[in-house]
Amino acid sequence: MSVLDDLRPTKKHLVMDLLASAAVDVSHWKNYKGKSPAANPKYCYNWSFEQAGERVAVCLWHRELELHKGTTIFRRKPRHRSSIRKEPGASVWNKRSEEFGRNLELAYRQALPVRVIIIEGKQRNPAEANPKASSVEVRMLDPISWAVTEYDYATGACALVRGKDPVAPATPDTSDLELSWFEGMLRRRFIAHRRREAAARRAKIAQALKSNGGRLICEVPKCGFDFVERYGKLGEGYAQVHHLVPLGKMSRNGREIKLEDFAIVCPNCHAMVHVGGECRPLAGLISV
């Protein structure tokens, strides 16, 4: 059997479960009035997903994978006007396609690993007069990480390669000012730092939930905003996390990240901490 044969899925696992196995946070899926969070239509039909600063996950049709010199590759074709659907209901398809491309670009710009959910079933045929929506029959999570090794910013064409480590993009990501300061090995160290920081932020939220009986409460003195108290079920598991030491003051070689370096904050306090480009201490932020 070939590598592609081994990658052919045989069971239909839930997208939510596969993403959780890929270390993608799916806690927000539970904000759904239906019986099963896994069926939340806001997420379960998407083609791509992002764990900010850590990884991207995408769904790929098995039939679109190719084998080149023993390496499994997915090649995304260039964008063009004809790729934009205009038939009734096509706006959802276009949105998912645009987000799919945006997440692949993000993975390239930020040198993030990509986890791939391989799917099979009846794929939509746009050439038909009345094309029917795609129907996934089986899906599986590839245990091996992938990486975007080539990306054309002008057309969106790219190559996603199985088993490769993320590469530093050919063009610096000037949309991320701090990231654009670094080059070569320092850039790689900084990217690794950002990934560790994203994981630490999630750990900080988990720590705060455990300490406060499942609540996330703003740590700014005299604030104490409680997301669940204000928003009910919608506020469960949500908070902003503030980095007490600005990244701009971090050593170019990085440093160890500790949970004590973070604080749970509400959006208002977070904005006031940084207004005017500052990074104010939490103590004394609210004076009345």
C-alpha atoms as a PDB file:
ATOM      1  CA  MET A   1       0.000   0.000   0.000  1.00  0.00           C
ATOM      2  CA  SER A   2       1.148   3.564  -0.731  1.00  0.00           C
ATOM      3  CA  VAL A   3       1.257   6.466   1.705  1.00  0.00           C
ATOM      4  CA  LEU A   4      -1.897   7.866   0.102  1.00  0.00           C
ATOM      5  CA  ASP A   5      -3.687   4.561   0.673  1.00  0.00           C
ATOM      6  CA  ASP A   6      -2.695   4.681   4.337  1.00  0.00           C
ATOM      7  CA  LEU A   7      -4.117   8.198   4.601  1.00  0.00           C
ATOM      8  CA  ARG A   8      -7.521   7.243   3.230  1.00  0.00           C
ATOM      9  CA  PRO A   9     -10.026   7.619   6.113  1.00  0.00           C
ATOM     10  CA  THR A  10     -12.320   4.714   6.968  1.00  0.00           C
ATOM     11  CA  LYS A  11     -14.417   6.103   9.841  1.00  0.00           C
ATOM     12  CA  LYS A  12     -16.435   9.271  10.327  1.00  0.00           C
ATOM     13  CA  HIS A  13     -15.053  10.917  13.448  1.00  0.00           C
ATOM     14  CA  LEU A  14     -16.519  14.188  14.727  1.00  0.00           C
ATOM     15  CA  VAL A  15     -14.660  17.332  13.648  1.00  0.00           C
ATOM     16  CA  MET A  16     -14.797  18.648  17.217  1.00  0.00           C
ATOM     17  CA  ASP A  17     -13.144  15.491  18.565  1.00  0.00           C
ATOM     18  CA  LEU A  18     -10.443  15.520  15.889  1.00  0.00           C
ATOM     19  CA  LEU A  19      -9.630  19.170  16.576  1.00  0.00           C
ATOM     20  CA  ALA A  20      -9.406  18.490  20.301  1.00  0.00           C
ATOM     21  CA  SER A  21      -6.951  15.674  19.510  1.00  0.00           C
ATOM     22  CA  ALA A  22      -4.935  18.196  17.497  1.00  0.00           C
ATOM     23  CA  ALA A  23      -4.719  20.500  20.560  1.00  0.00           C
ATOM     24  CA  VAL A  24      -7.153  23.048  19.121  1.00  0.00           C
ATOM     25  CA  ASP A  25      -9.367  24.689  21.753  1.00  0.00           C
ATOM     26  CA  VAL A  26     -13.010  23.802  21.019  1.00  0.00           C
ATOM     27  CA  SER A  27     -14.491  24.976  24.336  1.00  0.00           C
ATOM     28  CA  HIS A  28     -16.411  27.760  22.545  1.00  0.00           C
ATOM     29  CA  TRP A  29     -18.390  25.169  20.541  1.00  0.00           C
ATOM     30  CA  LYS A  30     -20.518  24.524  23.648  1.00  0.00           C
ATOM     31  CA  ASN A  31     -22.196  27.934  23.304  1.00  0.00           C
ATOM     32  CA  TYR A  32     -24.956  26.269  21.323  1.00  0.00           C
ATOM     33  CA  LYS A  33     -28.618  25.722  22.135  1.00  0.00           C
ATOM     34  CA  GLY A  34     -28.694  22.324  20.424  1.00  0.00           C
ATOM     35  CA  LYS A  35     -28.130  18.993  22.138  1.00  0.00           C
ATOM     36  CA  SER A  36     -24.589  18.398  20.917  1.00  0.00           C
ATOM     37  CA  PRO A  37     -21.838  21.063  20.816  1.00  0.00           C
ATOM     38  CA  ALA A  38     -20.160  18.991  18.078  1.00  0.00           C
ATOM     39  CA  ALA A  39     -23.102  19.856  15.809  1.00  0.00           C
ATOM     40  CA  ASN A  40     -22.726  23.617  16.318  1.00  0.00           C
ATOM     41  CA  PRO A  41     -23.168  24.876  12.712  1.00  0.00           C
ATOM     42  CA  LYS A  42     -21.083  27.966  13.439  1.00  0.00           C
ATOM     43  CA  TYR A  43     -17.984  25.746  13.503  1.00  0.00           C
ATOM     44  CA  CYS A  44     -18.552  22.144  12.402  1.00  0.00           C
ATOM     45  CA  TYR A  45     -18.926  22.936   8.679  1.00  0.00           C
ATOM     46  CA  ASN A  46     -15.828  25.133   8.436  1.00  0.00           C
ATOM     47  CA  TRP A  47     -12.888  24.050   6.287  1.00  0.00           C
ATOM     48  CA  SER A  48     -10.176  25.525   8.491  1.00  0.00           C
ATOM     49  CA  PHE A  49      -9.518  26.431  12.112  1.00  0.00           C
ATOM     50  CA  GLU A  50      -6.927  28.470  14.011  1.00  0.00           C
ATOM     51  CA  GLN A  51      -5.385  28.049  17.440  1.00  0.00           C
ATOM     52  CA  ALA A  52      -3.953  31.565  17.715  1.00  0.00           C
ATOM     53  CA  GLY A  53      -0.175  31.609  17.764  1.00  0.00           C
ATOM     54  CA  GLU A  54       0.117  27.809  17.915  1.00  0.00           C
ATOM     55  CA  ARG A  55      -1.253  25.975  14.903  1.00  0.00           C
ATOM     56  CA  VAL A  56      -3.747  25.882  12.062  1.00  0.00           C
ATOM     57  CA  ALA A  57      -5.996  22.938  11.196  1.00  0.00           C
ATOM     58  CA  VAL A  58      -7.555  22.351   7.768  1.00  0.00           C
ATOM     59  CA  CYS A  59      -9.824  19.811   6.104  1.00  0.00           C
ATOM     60  CA  LEU A  60      -8.487  18.327   2.864  1.00  0.00           C
ATOM     61  CA  TRP A  61     -10.165  15.961   0.407  1.00  0.00           C
ATOM     62  CA  HIS A  62      -8.151  12.764   0.071  1.00  0.00           C
ATOM     63  CA  ARG A  63      -8.519  12.842  -3.714  1.00  0.00           C
ATOM     64  CA  GLU A  64      -6.765  16.242  -3.845  1.00  0.00           C
ATOM     65  CA  LEU A  65      -3.577  14.940  -2.218  1.00  0.00           C
ATOM     66  CA  GLU A  66      -0.657  14.022  -4.440  1.00  0.00           C
ATOM     67  CA  LEU A  67       2.502  12.033  -3.978  1.00  0.00           C
ATOM     68  CA  HIS A  68       5.775  13.537  -5.214  1.00  0.00           C
ATOM     69  CA  LYS A  69       9.028  11.620  -4.665  1.00  0.00           C
ATOM     70  CA  GLY A  70       7.594   9.916  -1.635  1.00  0.00           C
ATOM     71  CA  THR A  71       6.249  13.155  -0.106  1.00  0.00           C
ATOM     72  CA  THR A  72       2.526  13.891   0.278  1.00  0.00           C
ATOM     73  CA  ILE A  73       1.547  17.356  -0.933  1.00  0.00           C
ATOM     74  CA  PHE A  74      -1.583  19.460  -1.238  1.00  0.00           C
ATOM     75  CA  ARG A  75      -1.378  22.280  -3.758  1.00  0.00           C
ATOM     76  CA  ARG A  76      -3.877  25.107  -3.591  1.00  0.00           C
ATOM     77  CA  LYS A  77      -4.560  26.633  -6.984  1.00  0.00           C
ATOM     78  CA  PRO A  78      -4.273  30.397  -7.611  1.00  0.00           C
ATOM     79  CA  ARG A  79      -7.266  32.590  -6.873  1.00  0.00           C
ATOM     80  CA  HIS A  80      -9.162  33.963  -9.849  1.00  0.00           C
ATOM     81  CA  ARG A  81     -12.528  35.595 -10.441  1.00  0.00           C
ATOM     82  CA  SER A  82     -14.163  32.405 -11.715  1.00  0.00           C
ATOM     83  CA  SER A  83     -13.450  30.753  -8.357  1.00  0.00           C
ATOM     84  CA  ILE A  84     -16.012  33.033  -6.690  1.00  0.00           C
ATOM     85  CA  ARG A  85     -19.404  31.289  -6.686  1.00  0.00           C
ATOM     86  CA  LYS A  86     -22.451  33.330  -7.653  1.00  0.00           C
ATOM     87  CA  GLU A  87     -25.284  30.796  -7.439  1.00  0.00           C
ATOM     88  CA  PRO A  88     -27.843  30.922  -4.587  1.00  0.00           C
ATOM     89  CA  GLY A  89     -26.295  29.992  -1.247  1.00  0.00           C
ATOM     90  CA  ALA A  90     -22.752  30.419  -2.580  1.00  0.00           C
ATOM     91  CA  SER A  91     -21.883  33.162  -0.098  1.00  0.00           C
ATOM     92  CA  VAL A  92     -21.253  30.561   2.627  1.00  0.00           C
ATOM     93  CA  TRP A  93     -18.975  28.570   0.286  1.00  0.00           C
ATOM     94  CA  ASN A  94     -17.062  31.739  -0.637  1.00  0.00           C
ATOM     95  CA  LYS A  95     -16.645  32.694   3.022  1.00  0.00           C
ATOM     96  CA  ARG A  96     -15.242  29.293   3.952  1.00  0.00           C
ATOM     97  CA  SER A  97     -12.928  29.304   0.950  1.00  0.00           C
ATOM     98  CA  GLU A  98     -11.641  32.772   1.828  1.00  0.00           C
ATOM     99  CA  GLU A  99     -11.054  31.767   5.458  1.00  0.00           C
ATOM    100  CA  PHE A 100      -9.305  28.583   4.326  1.00  0.00           C
ATOM    101  CA  GLY A 101      -6.858  30.612   2.242  1.00  0.00           C
ATOM    102  CA  ARG A 102      -6.400  33.181   4.991  1.00  0.00           C
ATOM    103  CA  ASN A 103      -5.494  30.501   7.526  1.00  0.00           C
ATOM    104  CA  LEU A 104      -2.974  28.895   5.163  1.00  0.00           C
ATOM    105  CA  GLU A 105      -1.408  32.323   4.636  1.00  0.00           C
ATOM    106  CA  LEU A 106      -1.339  32.816   8.408  1.00  0.00           C
ATOM    107  CA  ALA A 107       0.405  29.458   8.851  1.00  0.00           C
ATOM    108  CA  TYR A 108       3.046  30.546   6.340  1.00  0.00           C
ATOM    109  CA  ARG A 109       3.513  34.080   7.691  1.00  0.00           C
ATOM    110  CA  GLN A 110       3.828  32.946  11.303  1.00  0.00           C
ATOM    111  CA  ALA A 111       5.599  29.623  10.583  1.00  0.00           C
ATOM    112  CA  LEU A 112       2.851  27.626  12.296  1.00  0.00           C
ATOM    113  CA  PRO A 113       2.443  23.851  11.997  1.00  0.00           C
ATOM    114  CA  VAL A 114      -0.693  22.649  10.230  1.00  0.00           C
ATOM    115  CA  ARG A 115      -2.792  19.687  11.353  1.00  0.00           C
ATOM    116  CA  VAL A 116      -4.791  18.052   8.587  1.00  0.00           C
ATOM    117  CA  ILE A 117      -8.195  16.378   8.774  1.00  0.00           C
ATOM    118  CA  ILE A 118      -8.504  14.169   5.703  1.00  0.00           C
ATOM    119  CA  ILE A 119     -12.023  13.705   4.364  1.00  0.00           C
ATOM    120  CA  GLU A 120     -13.755  11.583   1.744  1.00  0.00           C
ATOM    121  CA  GLY A 121     -17.262  11.526   0.365  1.00  0.00           C
ATOM    122  CA  LYS A 122     -19.294  13.124  -2.414  1.00  0.00           C
ATOM    123  CA  GLN A 123     -17.516  16.324  -3.384  1.00  0.00           C
ATOM    124  CA  ARG A 124     -19.446  19.217  -4.876  1.00  0.00           C
ATOM    125  CA  ASN A 125     -19.148  19.506  -8.662  1.00  0.00           C
ATOM    126  CA  PRO A 126     -19.416  23.194  -9.642  1.00  0.00           C
ATOM    127  CA  ALA A 127     -19.648  22.233 -13.330  1.00  0.00           C
ATOM    128  CA  GLU A 128     -23.145  20.778 -12.815  1.00  0.00           C
ATOM    129  CA  ALA A 129     -26.178  22.909 -13.642  1.00  0.00           C
ATOM    130  CA  ASN A 130     -27.471  22.598 -10.075  1.00  0.00           C
ATOM    131  CA  PRO A 131     -24.484  21.466  -8.012  1.00  0.00           C
ATOM    132  CA  LYS A 132     -25.307  19.732  -4.750  1.00  0.00           C
ATOM    133  CA  ALA A 133     -23.443  20.502  -1.554  1.00  0.00           C
ATOM    134  CA  SER A 134     -20.527  18.241  -0.676  1.00  0.00           C
ATOM    135  CA  SER A 135     -21.249  15.366   1.692  1.00  0.00           C
ATOM    136  CA  VAL A 136     -18.477  14.033   3.941  1.00  0.00           C
ATOM    137  CA  GLU A 137     -18.770  10.292   4.568  1.00  0.00           C
ATOM    138  CA  VAL A 138     -15.533   9.621   6.486  1.00  0.00           C
ATOM    139  CA  ARG A 139     -12.815  11.729   8.086  1.00  0.00           C
ATOM    140  CA  MET A 140      -9.639  11.230  10.130  1.00  0.00           C
ATOM    141  CA  LEU A 141      -6.882  13.318  11.698  1.00  0.00           C
ATOM    142  CA  ASP A 142      -3.445  12.751  10.205  1.00  0.00           C
ATOM    143  CA  PRO A 143      -1.085  12.106  13.151  1.00  0.00           C
ATOM    144  CA  ILE A 144       1.731  13.810  11.235  1.00  0.00           C
ATOM    145  CA  SER A 145       1.978  17.626  11.125  1.00  0.00           C
ATOM    146  CA  TRP A 146       2.144  19.476   7.813  1.00  0.00           C
ATOM    147  CA  ALA A 147       3.622  22.864   6.884  1.00  0.00           C
ATOM    148  CA  VAL A 148       3.052  25.522   4.240  1.00  0.00           C
ATOM    149  CA  THR A 149       6.412  25.600   2.457  1.00  0.00           C
ATOM    150  CA  GLU A 150       5.462  27.911  -0.425  1.00  0.00           C
ATOM    151  CA  TYR A 151       2.983  30.761  -0.605  1.00  0.00           C
ATOM    152  CA  ASP A 152       2.209  33.275  -3.353  1.00  0.00           C
ATOM    153  CA  TYR A 153       0.773  36.398  -1.693  1.00  0.00           C
ATOM    154  CA  ALA A 154      -0.571  37.703  -5.007  1.00  0.00           C
ATOM    155  CA  THR A 155      -2.628  34.646  -5.961  1.00  0.00           C
ATOM    156  CA  GLY A 156      -2.986  32.591  -2.775  1.00  0.00           C
ATOM    157  CA  ALA A 157      -1.429  29.570  -4.459  1.00  0.00           C
ATOM    158  CA  CYS A 158       0.538  27.481  -1.979  1.00  0.00           C
ATOM    159  CA  ALA A 159       2.034  24.094  -1.184  1.00  0.00           C
ATOM    160  CA  LEU A 160       1.157  22.239   2.009  1.00  0.00           C
ATOM    161  CA  VAL A 161       3.636  19.416   2.681  1.00  0.00           C
ATOM    162  CA  ARG A 162       3.237  16.486   5.045  1.00  0.00           C
ATOM    163  CA  GLY A 163       5.964  15.890   7.603  1.00  0.00           C
ATOM    164  CA  LYS A 164       7.774  19.195   7.021  1.00  0.00           C
ATOM    165  CA  ASP A 165       8.688  21.750   9.661  1.00  0.00           C
ATOM    166  CA  PRO A 166       7.360  25.301   9.164  1.00  0.00           C
ATOM    167  CA  VAL A 167       9.756  27.561   7.287  1.00  0.00           C
ATOM    168  CA  ALA A 168      10.487  31.255   7.805  1.00  0.00           C
ATOM    169  CA  PRO A 169       8.493  33.109   5.114  1.00  0.00           C
ATOM    170  CA  ALA A 170      10.344  34.613   2.175  1.00  0.00           C
ATOM    171  CA  THR A 171       8.766  37.996   2.909  1.00  0.00           C
ATOM    172  CA  PRO A 172       8.797  39.358   6.489  1.00  0.00           C
ATOM    173  CA  ASP A 173       5.379  39.617   8.104  1.00  0.00           C
ATOM    174  CA  THR A 174       5.198  43.390   8.495  1.00  0.00           C
ATOM    175  CA  SER A 175       1.644  43.094   9.808  1.00  0.00           C
ATOM    176  CA  ASP A 176       3.263  41.835  13.026  1.00  0.00           C
ATOM    177  CA  LEU A 177       5.599  44.662  14.025  1.00  0.00           C
ATOM    178  CA  GLU A 178       7.483  42.721  16.700  1.00  0.00           C
ATOM    179  CA  LEU A 179       7.912  39.672  14.485  1.00  0.00           C
ATOM    180  CA  SER A 180       9.321  41.829  11.680  1.00  0.00           C
ATOM    181  CA  TRP A 181      12.211  42.940  13.929  1.00  0.00           C
ATOM    182  CA  PHE A 182      13.692  39.447  13.929  1.00  0.00           C
ATOM    183  CA  GLU A 183      15.629  37.601  11.225  1.00  0.00           C
ATOM    184  CA  GLY A 184      17.258  34.213  10.847  1.00  0.00           C
ATOM    185  CA  MET A 185      17.765  32.221  14.036  1.00  0.00           C
ATOM    186  CA  LEU A 186      16.461  35.040  16.239  1.00  0.00           C
ATOM    187  CA  ARG A 187      13.237  34.989  14.228  1.00  0.00           C
ATOM    188  CA  ARG A 188      12.842  31.257  14.783  1.00  0.00           C
ATOM    189  CA  ARG A 189      13.457  31.685  18.517  1.00  0.00           C
ATOM    190  CA  PHE A 190      10.886  34.459  18.685  1.00  0.00           C
ATOM    191  CA  ILE A 191       8.296  32.365  16.819  1.00  0.00           C
ATOM    192  CA  ALA A 192       8.911  29.496  19.241  1.00  0.00           C
ATOM    193  CA  HIS A 193       8.475  31.955  22.127  1.00  0.00           C
ATOM    194  CA  ARG A 194       5.130  33.104  20.740  1.00  0.00           C
ATOM    195  CA  ARG A 195       3.905  29.515  20.472  1.00  0.00           C
ATOM    196  CA  ARG A 196       4.907  28.809  24.058  1.00  0.00           C
ATOM    197  CA  GLU A 197       3.206  32.031  25.125  1.00  0.00           C
ATOM    198  CA  ALA A 198      -0.063  31.083  23.432  1.00  0.00           C
ATOM    199  CA  ALA A 199      -0.028  27.748  25.268  1.00  0.00           C
ATOM    200  CA  ALA A 200       0.774  29.565  28.518  1.00  0.00           C
ATOM    201  CA  ARG A 201      -2.179  31.898  28.016  1.00  0.00           C
ATOM    202  CA  ARG A 202      -4.506  28.929  27.733  1.00  0.00           C
ATOM    203  CA  ALA A 203      -2.903  27.418  30.823  1.00  0.00           C
ATOM    204  CA  LYS A 204      -3.478  30.719  32.663  1.00  0.00           C
ATOM    205  CA  ILE A 205      -7.176  30.609  31.833  1.00  0.00           C
ATOM    206  CA  ALA A 206      -7.368  26.988  32.990  1.00  0.00           C
ATOM    207  CA  GLN A 207      -5.610  27.928  36.237  1.00  0.00           C
ATOM    208  CA  ALA A 208      -7.990  30.847  36.854  1.00  0.00           C
ATOM    209  CA  LEU A 209     -11.055  28.683  36.184  1.00  0.00           C
ATOM    210  CA  LYS A 210      -9.850  26.137  38.701  1.00  0.00           C
ATOM    211  CA  SER A 211      -9.049  28.788  41.324  1.00  0.00           C
ATOM    212  CA  ASN A 212     -12.374  30.619  40.950  1.00  0.00           C
ATOM    213  CA  GLY A 213     -14.798  27.710  40.750  1.00  0.00           C
ATOM    214  CA  GLY A 214     -15.209  27.864  36.979  1.00  0.00           C
ATOM    215  CA  ARG A 215     -15.356  31.664  36.789  1.00  0.00           C
ATOM    216  CA  LEU A 216     -13.035  34.101  35.019  1.00  0.00           C
ATOM    217  CA  ILE A 217     -12.775  37.345  36.950  1.00  0.00           C
ATOM    218  CA  CYS A 218     -10.808  40.461  35.993  1.00  0.00           C
ATOM    219  CA  GLU A 219      -7.719  40.747  38.212  1.00  0.00           C
ATOM    220  CA  VAL A 220      -7.496  44.533  38.057  1.00  0.00           C
ATOM    221  CA  PRO A 221      -8.022  45.852  41.620  1.00  0.00           C
ATOM    222  CA  LYS A 222     -11.489  47.424  42.086  1.00  0.00           C
ATOM    223  CA  CYS A 223     -12.814  45.853  38.871  1.00  0.00           C
ATOM    224  CA  GLY A 224     -13.604  42.185  39.442  1.00  0.00           C
ATOM    225  CA  PHE A 225     -15.655  41.882  36.235  1.00  0.00           C
ATOM    226  CA  ASP A 226     -17.137  38.360  36.075  1.00  0.00           C
ATOM    227  CA  PHE A 227     -17.876  37.138  32.546  1.00  0.00           C
ATOM    228  CA  VAL A 228     -20.393  34.497  33.634  1.00  0.00           C
ATOM    229  CA  GLU A 229     -22.171  36.877  35.992  1.00  0.00           C
ATOM    230  CA  ARG A 230     -22.608  39.392  33.184  1.00  0.00           C
ATOM    231  CA  TYR A 231     -23.207  37.159  30.167  1.00  0.00           C
ATOM    232  CA  GLY A 232     -24.328  33.848  31.606  1.00  0.00           C
ATOM    233  CA  LYS A 233     -23.480  30.705  29.635  1.00  0.00           C
ATOM    234  CA  LEU A 234     -22.084  32.814  26.773  1.00  0.00           C
ATOM    235  CA  GLY A 235     -19.353  34.099  29.079  1.00  0.00           C
ATOM    236  CA  GLU A 236     -18.175  30.671  30.208  1.00  0.00           C
ATOM    237  CA  GLY A 237     -14.492  30.117  29.474  1.00  0.00           C
ATOM    238  CA  TYR A 238     -13.909  33.559  27.941  1.00  0.00           C
ATOM    239  CA  ALA A 239     -11.515  36.253  29.143  1.00  0.00           C
ATOM    240  CA  GLN A 240      -8.661  38.323  27.835  1.00  0.00           C
ATOM    241  CA  VAL A 241      -5.173  37.566  29.077  1.00  0.00           C
ATOM    242  CA  HIS A 242      -2.741  40.417  29.666  1.00  0.00           C
ATOM    243  CA  HIS A 243       1.029  39.975  29.449  1.00  0.00           C
ATOM    244  CA  LEU A 244       2.421  41.860  32.451  1.00  0.00           C
ATOM    245  CA  VAL A 245       5.843  42.262  30.816  1.00  0.00           C
ATOM    246  CA  PRO A 246       5.551  43.769  27.294  1.00  0.00           C
ATOM    247  CA  LEU A 247       7.002  41.639  24.503  1.00  0.00           C
ATOM    248  CA  GLY A 248       8.880  44.714  23.321  1.00  0.00           C
ATOM    249  CA  LYS A 249      10.993  44.507  26.489  1.00  0.00           C
ATOM    250  CA  MET A 250      11.728  40.823  26.018  1.00  0.00           C
ATOM    251  CA  SER A 251      15.297  39.719  25.341  1.00  0.00           C
ATOM    252  CA  ARG A 252      15.984  39.064  21.665  1.00  0.00           C
ATOM    253  CA  ASN A 253      16.891  35.530  22.683  1.00  0.00           C
ATOM    254  CA  GLY A 254      13.573  35.059  24.476  1.00  0.00           C
ATOM    255  CA  ARG A 255      12.996  34.080  28.094  1.00  0.00           C
ATOM    256  CA  GLU A 256      11.094  31.552  30.159  1.00  0.00           C
ATOM    257  CA  ILE A 257       7.364  32.175  30.376  1.00  0.00           C
ATOM    258  CA  LYS A 258       5.563  31.649  33.674  1.00  0.00           C
ATOM    259  CA  LEU A 259       1.871  31.804  34.498  1.00  0.00           C
ATOM    260  CA  GLU A 260       2.697  34.620  36.923  1.00  0.00           C
ATOM    261  CA  ASP A 261       3.592  36.719  33.863  1.00  0.00           C
ATOM    262  CA  PHE A 262      -0.087  36.848  32.889  1.00  0.00           C
ATOM    263  CA  ALA A 263      -3.275  38.302  34.335  1.00  0.00           C
ATOM    264  CA  ILE A 264      -6.936  37.678  33.560  1.00  0.00           C
ATOM    265  CA  VAL A 265      -8.516  40.961  32.505  1.00  0.00           C
ATOM    266  CA  CYS A 266     -11.753  42.242  31.027  1.00  0.00           C
ATOM    267  CA  PRO A 267     -11.670  44.038  27.638  1.00  0.00           C
ATOM    268  CA  ASN A 268     -12.215  47.493  29.185  1.00  0.00           C
ATOM    269  CA  CYS A 269      -9.346  47.190  31.639  1.00  0.00           C
ATOM    270  CA  HIS A 270      -7.115  45.649  28.981  1.00  0.00           C
ATOM    271  CA  ALA A 271      -7.734  48.617  26.694  1.00  0.00           C
ATOM    272  CA  MET A 272      -7.011  51.092  29.499  1.00  0.00           C
ATOM    273  CA  VAL A 273      -3.760  49.307  30.386  1.00  0.00           C
ATOM    274  CA  HIS A 274      -2.494  49.884  26.841  1.00  0.00           C
ATOM    275  CA  VAL A 275      -4.187  53.129  25.804  1.00  0.00           C
ATOM    276  CA  GLY A 276      -1.658  55.528  24.301  1.00  0.00           C
ATOM    277  CA  GLY A 277       0.776  52.697  23.635  1.00  0.00           C
ATOM    278  CA  GLU A 278       1.581  52.216  27.319  1.00  0.00           C
ATOM    279  CA  CYS A 279       1.662  49.104  29.485  1.00  0.00           C
ATOM    280  CA  ARG A 280       0.383  50.325  32.837  1.00  0.00           C
ATOM    281  CA  PRO A 281       0.504  48.285  36.052  1.00  0.00           C
ATOM    282  CA  LEU A 282      -2.815  46.821  37.143  1.00  0.00           C
ATOM    283  CA  ALA A 283      -2.537  48.339  40.611  1.00  0.00           C
ATOM    284  CA  GLY A 284      -3.849  51.897  40.526  1.00  0.00           C
ATOM    285  CA  LEU A 285      -5.449  51.534  37.066  1.00  0.00           C
ATOM    286  CA  ILE A 286      -8.866  52.209  38.626  1.00  0.00           C
ATOM    287  CA  SER A 287      -8.539  55.145  40.986  1.00  0.00           C
ATOM    288  CA  VAL A 288     -12.149  55.502  42.128  1.00  0.00           C
END
